[in-house]
């Protein structure tokens, strides 16, 4: 089901959303800014979950977190009730710079920290497998497994938790930038084994989000092709239309 019908292979950058697709407990998008919204469509706020986050970046920006959250309280923001279109339309102007123009509040690098502040009891624990790109806020508790352990341990990490998992996968985890070009860092065989590990723990995954992040993969072709390697292994059918 298309939640946001495909708008074309446009740039996504920090806050533009060109595509959002849902099938069962899987959501596929071009821009990570929608991931928190997707999680909130499936989780029970009276329960806790294990966040397992696979990405090149931490995406834990907190530069204006107090101001963002205070503003959301003033508009009585309800993350579970708002539509994705309404979420994209929320604009924010810094109180100390009222003439600086408004910009979309939710971005690909701040949605986790906003979610954490709004629902501080949501996560029982957090696991981040990244390239350690970015910063971890002071006092932010997370476990950092090594990427090379994904093919042999991901299923175990997801399955053997007291709480169900919210699994996030950004396709840019599989790419690096070298001399202004993007190179696929992991083979398709490696990626297929990661997908097999996900399949082995499927019943313990509450919601699964995939971000294509085309600009961070060298373009839409790269991002979609690698995403299909994963979803084909999981027998998840989707298309951009």
C-alpha atoms as a PDB file:
ATOM      1  CA  UNK A   1       0.000   0.000   0.000  1.00  0.00           C
ATOM      2  CA  UNK A   2       1.346   3.382  -0.992  1.00  0.00           C
ATOM      3  CA  UNK A   3       1.087   5.842   1.888  1.00  0.00           C
ATOM      4  CA  UNK A   4       3.016   8.448  -0.083  1.00  0.00           C
ATOM      5  CA  UNK A   5       2.684   7.608  -3.807  1.00  0.00           C
ATOM      6  CA  UNK A   6       6.007   7.735  -5.634  1.00  0.00           C
ATOM      7  CA  UNK A   7       6.784  11.320  -6.664  1.00  0.00           C
ATOM      8  CA  UNK A   8       9.720  10.405  -8.886  1.00  0.00           C
ATOM      9  CA  UNK A   9      13.439   9.943  -8.369  1.00  0.00           C
ATOM     10  CA  UNK A  10      13.858  13.330  -6.785  1.00  0.00           C
ATOM     11  CA  UNK A  11      16.285  14.415  -4.089  1.00  0.00           C
ATOM     12  CA  UNK A  12      15.358  13.524  -0.521  1.00  0.00           C
ATOM     13  CA  UNK A  13      18.010  15.306   1.552  1.00  0.00           C
ATOM     14  CA  UNK A  14      17.049  16.163   5.135  1.00  0.00           C
ATOM     15  CA  UNK A  15      13.281  16.353   5.010  1.00  0.00           C
ATOM     16  CA  UNK A  16      11.749  15.610   1.593  1.00  0.00           C
ATOM     17  CA  UNK A  17       9.737  12.403   1.331  1.00  0.00           C
ATOM     18  CA  UNK A  18       9.220  11.046  -2.190  1.00  0.00           C
ATOM     19  CA  UNK A  19       7.981   7.590  -1.336  1.00  0.00           C
ATOM     20  CA  UNK A  20       6.487   5.623   1.570  1.00  0.00           C
ATOM     21  CA  UNK A  21       5.179   2.098   1.160  1.00  0.00           C
ATOM     22  CA  UNK A  22       3.687  -0.276   3.716  1.00  0.00           C
ATOM     23  CA  UNK A  23       3.067  -3.988   3.575  1.00  0.00           C
ATOM     24  CA  UNK A  24       2.306  -5.797   6.812  1.00  0.00           C
ATOM     25  CA  UNK A  25       4.851  -4.719   9.414  1.00  0.00           C
ATOM     26  CA  UNK A  26       7.349  -3.488   6.806  1.00  0.00           C
ATOM     27  CA  UNK A  27       7.690   0.141   5.730  1.00  0.00           C
ATOM     28  CA  UNK A  28       9.948   1.272   2.876  1.00  0.00           C
ATOM     29  CA  UNK A  29      10.765   4.947   2.325  1.00  0.00           C
ATOM     30  CA  UNK A  30      13.345   7.095   0.617  1.00  0.00           C
ATOM     31  CA  UNK A  31      13.858   9.408   3.598  1.00  0.00           C
ATOM     32  CA  UNK A  32      14.472   8.315   7.168  1.00  0.00           C
ATOM     33  CA  UNK A  33      12.453  11.217   8.546  1.00  0.00           C
ATOM     34  CA  UNK A  34       9.336   9.021   8.304  1.00  0.00           C
ATOM     35  CA  UNK A  35      10.750   6.067  10.272  1.00  0.00           C
ATOM     36  CA  UNK A  36       9.634   7.228  13.713  1.00  0.00           C
ATOM     37  CA  UNK A  37       6.109   7.784  12.394  1.00  0.00           C
ATOM     38  CA  UNK A  38       6.104   4.248  10.994  1.00  0.00           C
ATOM     39  CA  UNK A  39       7.239   2.751  14.295  1.00  0.00           C
ATOM     40  CA  UNK A  40       4.446   4.560  16.130  1.00  0.00           C
ATOM     41  CA  UNK A  41       1.856   3.000  13.816  1.00  0.00           C
ATOM     42  CA  UNK A  42       2.747  -0.481  15.063  1.00  0.00           C
ATOM     43  CA  UNK A  43       4.055  -0.309  18.631  1.00  0.00           C
ATOM     44  CA  UNK A  44       2.018  -0.377  21.832  1.00  0.00           C
ATOM     45  CA  UNK A  45       3.083   2.541  24.007  1.00  0.00           C
ATOM     46  CA  UNK A  46       2.291   0.484  27.099  1.00  0.00           C
ATOM     47  CA  UNK A  47       5.055  -1.944  26.130  1.00  0.00           C
ATOM     48  CA  UNK A  48       8.797  -1.601  25.644  1.00  0.00           C
ATOM     49  CA  UNK A  49      10.886  -2.574  22.618  1.00  0.00           C
ATOM     50  CA  UNK A  50      14.459  -3.275  21.619  1.00  0.00           C
ATOM     51  CA  UNK A  51      15.597  -0.760  18.989  1.00  0.00           C
ATOM     52  CA  UNK A  52      18.023  -2.369  16.535  1.00  0.00           C
ATOM     53  CA  UNK A  53      19.375   0.299  14.218  1.00  0.00           C
ATOM     54  CA  UNK A  54      21.526  -0.479  11.146  1.00  0.00           C
ATOM     55  CA  UNK A  55      22.745   2.651   9.377  1.00  0.00           C
ATOM     56  CA  UNK A  56      25.877   4.423   8.250  1.00  0.00           C
ATOM     57  CA  UNK A  57      25.039   7.318  10.592  1.00  0.00           C
ATOM     58  CA  UNK A  58      23.863   7.637  14.173  1.00  0.00           C
ATOM     59  CA  UNK A  59      21.175  10.218  13.253  1.00  0.00           C
ATOM     60  CA  UNK A  60      20.987  11.414  16.865  1.00  0.00           C
ATOM     61  CA  UNK A  61      20.985  15.189  16.414  1.00  0.00           C
ATOM     62  CA  UNK A  62      20.087  17.097  19.597  1.00  0.00           C
ATOM     63  CA  UNK A  63      21.194  20.639  18.725  1.00  0.00           C
ATOM     64  CA  UNK A  64      17.742  22.157  19.443  1.00  0.00           C
ATOM     65  CA  UNK A  65      15.969  19.238  21.082  1.00  0.00           C
ATOM     66  CA  UNK A  66      14.514  21.282  23.974  1.00  0.00           C
ATOM     67  CA  UNK A  67      13.075  23.837  21.574  1.00  0.00           C
ATOM     68  CA  UNK A  68      11.713  21.182  19.184  1.00  0.00           C
ATOM     69  CA  UNK A  69       9.962  19.274  21.943  1.00  0.00           C
ATOM     70  CA  UNK A  70       8.633  22.419  23.615  1.00  0.00           C
ATOM     71  CA  UNK A  71       7.143  23.531  20.304  1.00  0.00           C
ATOM     72  CA  UNK A  72       5.508  20.130  19.750  1.00  0.00           C
ATOM     73  CA  UNK A  73       3.893  20.418  23.167  1.00  0.00           C
ATOM     74  CA  UNK A  74       2.480  23.831  22.264  1.00  0.00           C
ATOM     75  CA  UNK A  75       0.698  22.373  19.241  1.00  0.00           C
ATOM     76  CA  UNK A  76      -0.451  19.304  21.248  1.00  0.00           C
ATOM     77  CA  UNK A  77       1.398  17.012  18.875  1.00  0.00           C
ATOM     78  CA  UNK A  78       0.280  13.350  18.927  1.00  0.00           C
ATOM     79  CA  UNK A  79       2.835  11.201  17.086  1.00  0.00           C
ATOM     80  CA  UNK A  80       0.458   8.243  16.783  1.00  0.00           C
ATOM     81  CA  UNK A  81      -2.549  10.234  15.578  1.00  0.00           C
ATOM     82  CA  UNK A  82      -0.929  12.618  13.107  1.00  0.00           C
ATOM     83  CA  UNK A  83      -0.827  11.686   9.413  1.00  0.00           C
ATOM     84  CA  UNK A  84       2.499  11.533   7.599  1.00  0.00           C
ATOM     85  CA  UNK A  85       1.414  14.524   5.499  1.00  0.00           C
ATOM     86  CA  UNK A  86       0.689  16.510   8.659  1.00  0.00           C
ATOM     87  CA  UNK A  87       4.031  15.464  10.107  1.00  0.00           C
ATOM     88  CA  UNK A  88       5.860  16.783   7.043  1.00  0.00           C
ATOM     89  CA  UNK A  89       3.961  20.064   7.263  1.00  0.00           C
ATOM     90  CA  UNK A  90       5.109  20.893  10.811  1.00  0.00           C
ATOM     91  CA  UNK A  91       7.378  23.930  10.540  1.00  0.00           C
ATOM     92  CA  UNK A  92       9.652  25.334  13.218  1.00  0.00           C
ATOM     93  CA  UNK A  93      11.198  28.758  13.695  1.00  0.00           C
ATOM     94  CA  UNK A  94      13.864  29.262  16.338  1.00  0.00           C
ATOM     95  CA  UNK A  95      12.490  31.528  19.091  1.00  0.00           C
ATOM     96  CA  UNK A  96      15.701  33.542  19.115  1.00  0.00           C
ATOM     97  CA  UNK A  97      15.604  34.064  15.348  1.00  0.00           C
ATOM     98  CA  UNK A  98      11.982  34.736  14.374  1.00  0.00           C
ATOM     99  CA  UNK A  99      12.969  36.350  11.083  1.00  0.00           C
ATOM    100  CA  UNK A 100      15.141  33.447  10.021  1.00  0.00           C
ATOM    101  CA  UNK A 101      12.317  31.603   8.295  1.00  0.00           C
ATOM    102  CA  UNK A 102      10.530  28.390   9.209  1.00  0.00           C
ATOM    103  CA  UNK A 103      11.728  24.958   8.166  1.00  0.00           C
ATOM    104  CA  UNK A 104      10.363  21.396   8.471  1.00  0.00           C
ATOM    105  CA  UNK A 105      10.879  20.233  12.040  1.00  0.00           C
ATOM    106  CA  UNK A 106      11.270  16.505  11.376  1.00  0.00           C
ATOM    107  CA  UNK A 107      14.474  15.568   9.537  1.00  0.00           C
ATOM    108  CA  UNK A 108      16.356  12.387   8.717  1.00  0.00           C
ATOM    109  CA  UNK A 109      18.782  13.040  11.572  1.00  0.00           C
ATOM    110  CA  UNK A 110      16.579  14.163  14.478  1.00  0.00           C
ATOM    111  CA  UNK A 111      13.506  11.919  14.451  1.00  0.00           C
ATOM    112  CA  UNK A 112      15.012   9.404  16.921  1.00  0.00           C
ATOM    113  CA  UNK A 113      15.956  11.961  19.554  1.00  0.00           C
ATOM    114  CA  UNK A 114      12.534  13.619  19.279  1.00  0.00           C
ATOM    115  CA  UNK A 115      10.846  10.245  19.686  1.00  0.00           C
ATOM    116  CA  UNK A 116      13.056   9.449  22.682  1.00  0.00           C
ATOM    117  CA  UNK A 117      12.078  12.677  24.412  1.00  0.00           C
ATOM    118  CA  UNK A 118       8.365  12.238  23.729  1.00  0.00           C
ATOM    119  CA  UNK A 119       8.315   8.565  24.771  1.00  0.00           C
ATOM    120  CA  UNK A 120      11.276   8.051  27.137  1.00  0.00           C
ATOM    121  CA  UNK A 121      10.134   4.588  28.268  1.00  0.00           C
ATOM    122  CA  UNK A 122       9.651   3.139  24.769  1.00  0.00           C
ATOM    123  CA  UNK A 123      13.029   1.387  24.465  1.00  0.00           C
ATOM    124  CA  UNK A 124      14.166  -1.354  26.807  1.00  0.00           C
ATOM    125  CA  UNK A 125      17.572  -1.128  25.115  1.00  0.00           C
ATOM    126  CA  UNK A 126      19.170   0.105  21.909  1.00  0.00           C
ATOM    127  CA  UNK A 127      21.645  -1.550  19.525  1.00  0.00           C
ATOM    128  CA  UNK A 128      23.287   0.568  16.825  1.00  0.00           C
ATOM    129  CA  UNK A 129      25.372  -0.953  14.017  1.00  0.00           C
ATOM    130  CA  UNK A 130      26.836   2.007  12.152  1.00  0.00           C
ATOM    131  CA  UNK A 131      30.006   3.380  10.571  1.00  0.00           C
ATOM    132  CA  UNK A 132      30.208   5.578  13.687  1.00  0.00           C
ATOM    133  CA  UNK A 133      29.408   8.607  11.546  1.00  0.00           C
ATOM    134  CA  UNK A 134      28.143  11.446  13.735  1.00  0.00           C
ATOM    135  CA  UNK A 135      27.911  11.986  17.458  1.00  0.00           C
ATOM    136  CA  UNK A 136      26.254  10.191  20.356  1.00  0.00           C
ATOM    137  CA  UNK A 137      24.569  12.611  22.781  1.00  0.00           C
ATOM    138  CA  UNK A 138      25.953  12.704  26.305  1.00  0.00           C
ATOM    139  CA  UNK A 139      24.343  10.056  28.468  1.00  0.00           C
ATOM    140  CA  UNK A 140      22.695   8.274  25.544  1.00  0.00           C
ATOM    141  CA  UNK A 141      22.775   4.545  26.273  1.00  0.00           C
ATOM    142  CA  UNK A 142      23.308   2.148  23.392  1.00  0.00           C
ATOM    143  CA  UNK A 143      25.140  -1.053  22.549  1.00  0.00           C
ATOM    144  CA  UNK A 144      27.327  -1.052  19.431  1.00  0.00           C
ATOM    145  CA  UNK A 145      27.817  -4.504  17.873  1.00  0.00           C
ATOM    146  CA  UNK A 146      30.342  -4.818  15.068  1.00  0.00           C
ATOM    147  CA  UNK A 147      29.043  -4.892  11.498  1.00  0.00           C
ATOM    148  CA  UNK A 148      30.988  -8.067  10.657  1.00  0.00           C
ATOM    149  CA  UNK A 149      28.956  -9.945  13.269  1.00  0.00           C
ATOM    150  CA  UNK A 150      25.619  -9.248  11.547  1.00  0.00           C
ATOM    151  CA  UNK A 151      25.636 -12.374   9.336  1.00  0.00           C
ATOM    152  CA  UNK A 152      26.171 -14.756  12.227  1.00  0.00           C
ATOM    153  CA  UNK A 153      24.494 -13.025  15.157  1.00  0.00           C
ATOM    154  CA  UNK A 154      21.729 -10.670  13.986  1.00  0.00           C
ATOM    155  CA  UNK A 155      19.014 -13.305  14.209  1.00  0.00           C
ATOM    156  CA  UNK A 156      20.150 -14.257  17.699  1.00  0.00           C
ATOM    157  CA  UNK A 157      20.259 -10.620  18.860  1.00  0.00           C
ATOM    158  CA  UNK A 158      16.745 -10.010  17.563  1.00  0.00           C
ATOM    159  CA  UNK A 159      15.263 -13.271  18.766  1.00  0.00           C
ATOM    160  CA  UNK A 160      16.746 -13.546  22.231  1.00  0.00           C
ATOM    161  CA  UNK A 161      15.378 -10.392  23.748  1.00  0.00           C
ATOM    162  CA  UNK A 162      12.803 -10.080  26.502  1.00  0.00           C
ATOM    163  CA  UNK A 163      11.000  -7.498  24.371  1.00  0.00           C
ATOM    164  CA  UNK A 164      10.152  -7.478  20.687  1.00  0.00           C
ATOM    165  CA  UNK A 165      12.410  -5.542  18.349  1.00  0.00           C
ATOM    166  CA  UNK A 166      11.912  -2.465  16.207  1.00  0.00           C
ATOM    167  CA  UNK A 167      14.330  -3.084  13.352  1.00  0.00           C
ATOM    168  CA  UNK A 168      15.593  -0.270  11.182  1.00  0.00           C
ATOM    169  CA  UNK A 169      17.821  -0.691   8.139  1.00  0.00           C
ATOM    170  CA  UNK A 170      19.223   2.169   6.090  1.00  0.00           C
ATOM    171  CA  UNK A 171      20.569   0.983   2.740  1.00  0.00           C
ATOM    172  CA  UNK A 172      23.426   3.478   3.005  1.00  0.00           C
ATOM    173  CA  UNK A 173      25.009   1.157   5.583  1.00  0.00           C
ATOM    174  CA  UNK A 174      26.176  -0.951   2.637  1.00  0.00           C
ATOM    175  CA  UNK A 175      27.958   1.906   0.823  1.00  0.00           C
ATOM    176  CA  UNK A 176      30.978   4.154   1.293  1.00  0.00           C
ATOM    177  CA  UNK A 177      31.985   7.302  -0.562  1.00  0.00           C
ATOM    178  CA  UNK A 178      35.394   7.317  -2.213  1.00  0.00           C
ATOM    179  CA  UNK A 179      36.727  10.003  -4.584  1.00  0.00           C
ATOM    180  CA  UNK A 180      33.231  11.471  -4.955  1.00  0.00           C
ATOM    181  CA  UNK A 181      31.776   8.099  -5.950  1.00  0.00           C
ATOM    182  CA  UNK A 182      29.750   5.620  -3.936  1.00  0.00           C
ATOM    183  CA  UNK A 183      31.024   2.069  -3.728  1.00  0.00           C
ATOM    184  CA  UNK A 184      29.050  -0.904  -2.443  1.00  0.00           C
ATOM    185  CA  UNK A 185      31.027  -1.942   0.615  1.00  0.00           C
ATOM    186  CA  UNK A 186      29.405  -5.349   1.182  1.00  0.00           C
ATOM    187  CA  UNK A 187      28.725  -8.049  -1.394  1.00  0.00           C
ATOM    188  CA  UNK A 188      25.233  -9.165  -2.314  1.00  0.00           C
ATOM    189  CA  UNK A 189      26.008 -12.492  -0.628  1.00  0.00           C
ATOM    190  CA  UNK A 190      26.759 -10.701   2.646  1.00  0.00           C
ATOM    191  CA  UNK A 191      23.534  -8.704   2.344  1.00  0.00           C
ATOM    192  CA  UNK A 192      21.505 -11.850   1.591  1.00  0.00           C
ATOM    193  CA  UNK A 193      22.847 -13.520   4.729  1.00  0.00           C
ATOM    194  CA  UNK A 194      21.846 -10.450   6.769  1.00  0.00           C
ATOM    195  CA  UNK A 195      18.358 -10.784   5.279  1.00  0.00           C
ATOM    196  CA  UNK A 196      18.292 -14.490   6.204  1.00  0.00           C
ATOM    197  CA  UNK A 197      19.152 -13.527   9.775  1.00  0.00           C
ATOM    198  CA  UNK A 198      16.253 -11.075   9.789  1.00  0.00           C
ATOM    199  CA  UNK A 199      13.950 -13.792   8.457  1.00  0.00           C
ATOM    200  CA  UNK A 200      15.020 -16.166  11.224  1.00  0.00           C
ATOM    201  CA  UNK A 201      13.813 -13.691  13.868  1.00  0.00           C
ATOM    202  CA  UNK A 202      10.807 -12.358  11.960  1.00  0.00           C
ATOM    203  CA  UNK A 203       8.254 -13.297  14.615  1.00  0.00           C
ATOM    204  CA  UNK A 204      10.100 -11.241  17.218  1.00  0.00           C
ATOM    205  CA  UNK A 205      10.175  -8.087  15.060  1.00  0.00           C
ATOM    206  CA  UNK A 206       7.301  -5.708  15.741  1.00  0.00           C
ATOM    207  CA  UNK A 207       8.027  -3.345  12.860  1.00  0.00           C
ATOM    208  CA  UNK A 208      10.714  -3.234  10.166  1.00  0.00           C
ATOM    209  CA  UNK A 209      11.670   0.004   8.397  1.00  0.00           C
ATOM    210  CA  UNK A 210      13.913   0.310   5.345  1.00  0.00           C
ATOM    211  CA  UNK A 211      15.275   3.686   4.256  1.00  0.00           C
ATOM    212  CA  UNK A 212      16.607   3.878   0.706  1.00  0.00           C
ATOM    213  CA  UNK A 213      18.597   7.118   1.255  1.00  0.00           C
ATOM    214  CA  UNK A 214      19.446   7.358  -2.456  1.00  0.00           C
ATOM    215  CA  UNK A 215      21.784  10.354  -2.133  1.00  0.00           C
ATOM    216  CA  UNK A 216      23.891   8.392   0.349  1.00  0.00           C
ATOM    217  CA  UNK A 217      24.105   5.325  -1.899  1.00  0.00           C
ATOM    218  CA  UNK A 218      25.080   6.916  -5.191  1.00  0.00           C
ATOM    219  CA  UNK A 219      21.558   7.255  -6.562  1.00  0.00           C
ATOM    220  CA  UNK A 220      18.177   5.587  -6.745  1.00  0.00           C
ATOM    221  CA  UNK A 221      19.380   2.678  -8.884  1.00  0.00           C
ATOM    222  CA  UNK A 222      21.906   1.559  -6.265  1.00  0.00           C
ATOM    223  CA  UNK A 223      19.534   2.034  -3.352  1.00  0.00           C
ATOM    224  CA  UNK A 224      16.577   0.226  -4.922  1.00  0.00           C
ATOM    225  CA  UNK A 225      18.693  -2.662  -6.225  1.00  0.00           C
ATOM    226  CA  UNK A 226      20.220  -3.403  -2.815  1.00  0.00           C
ATOM    227  CA  UNK A 227      16.871  -2.998  -1.074  1.00  0.00           C
ATOM    228  CA  UNK A 228      15.445  -5.574  -3.468  1.00  0.00           C
ATOM    229  CA  UNK A 229      18.226  -8.007  -2.543  1.00  0.00           C
ATOM    230  CA  UNK A 230      16.939  -7.839   1.030  1.00  0.00           C
ATOM    231  CA  UNK A 231      13.208  -7.805   0.364  1.00  0.00           C
ATOM    232  CA  UNK A 232      13.423 -10.606  -2.218  1.00  0.00           C
ATOM    233  CA  UNK A 233      15.116 -12.788   0.383  1.00  0.00           C
ATOM    234  CA  UNK A 234      12.345 -11.916   2.843  1.00  0.00           C
ATOM    235  CA  UNK A 235       9.653 -12.412   0.170  1.00  0.00           C
ATOM    236  CA  UNK A 236       8.404  -8.860   0.627  1.00  0.00           C
ATOM    237  CA  UNK A 237       6.772  -7.521  -2.528  1.00  0.00           C
ATOM    238  CA  UNK A 238       6.862  -3.795  -3.181  1.00  0.00           C
ATOM    239  CA  UNK A 239       7.157  -1.370  -6.023  1.00  0.00           C
ATOM    240  CA  UNK A 240       7.461   2.350  -6.498  1.00  0.00           C
ATOM    241  CA  UNK A 241       4.360   3.677  -8.201  1.00  0.00           C
END
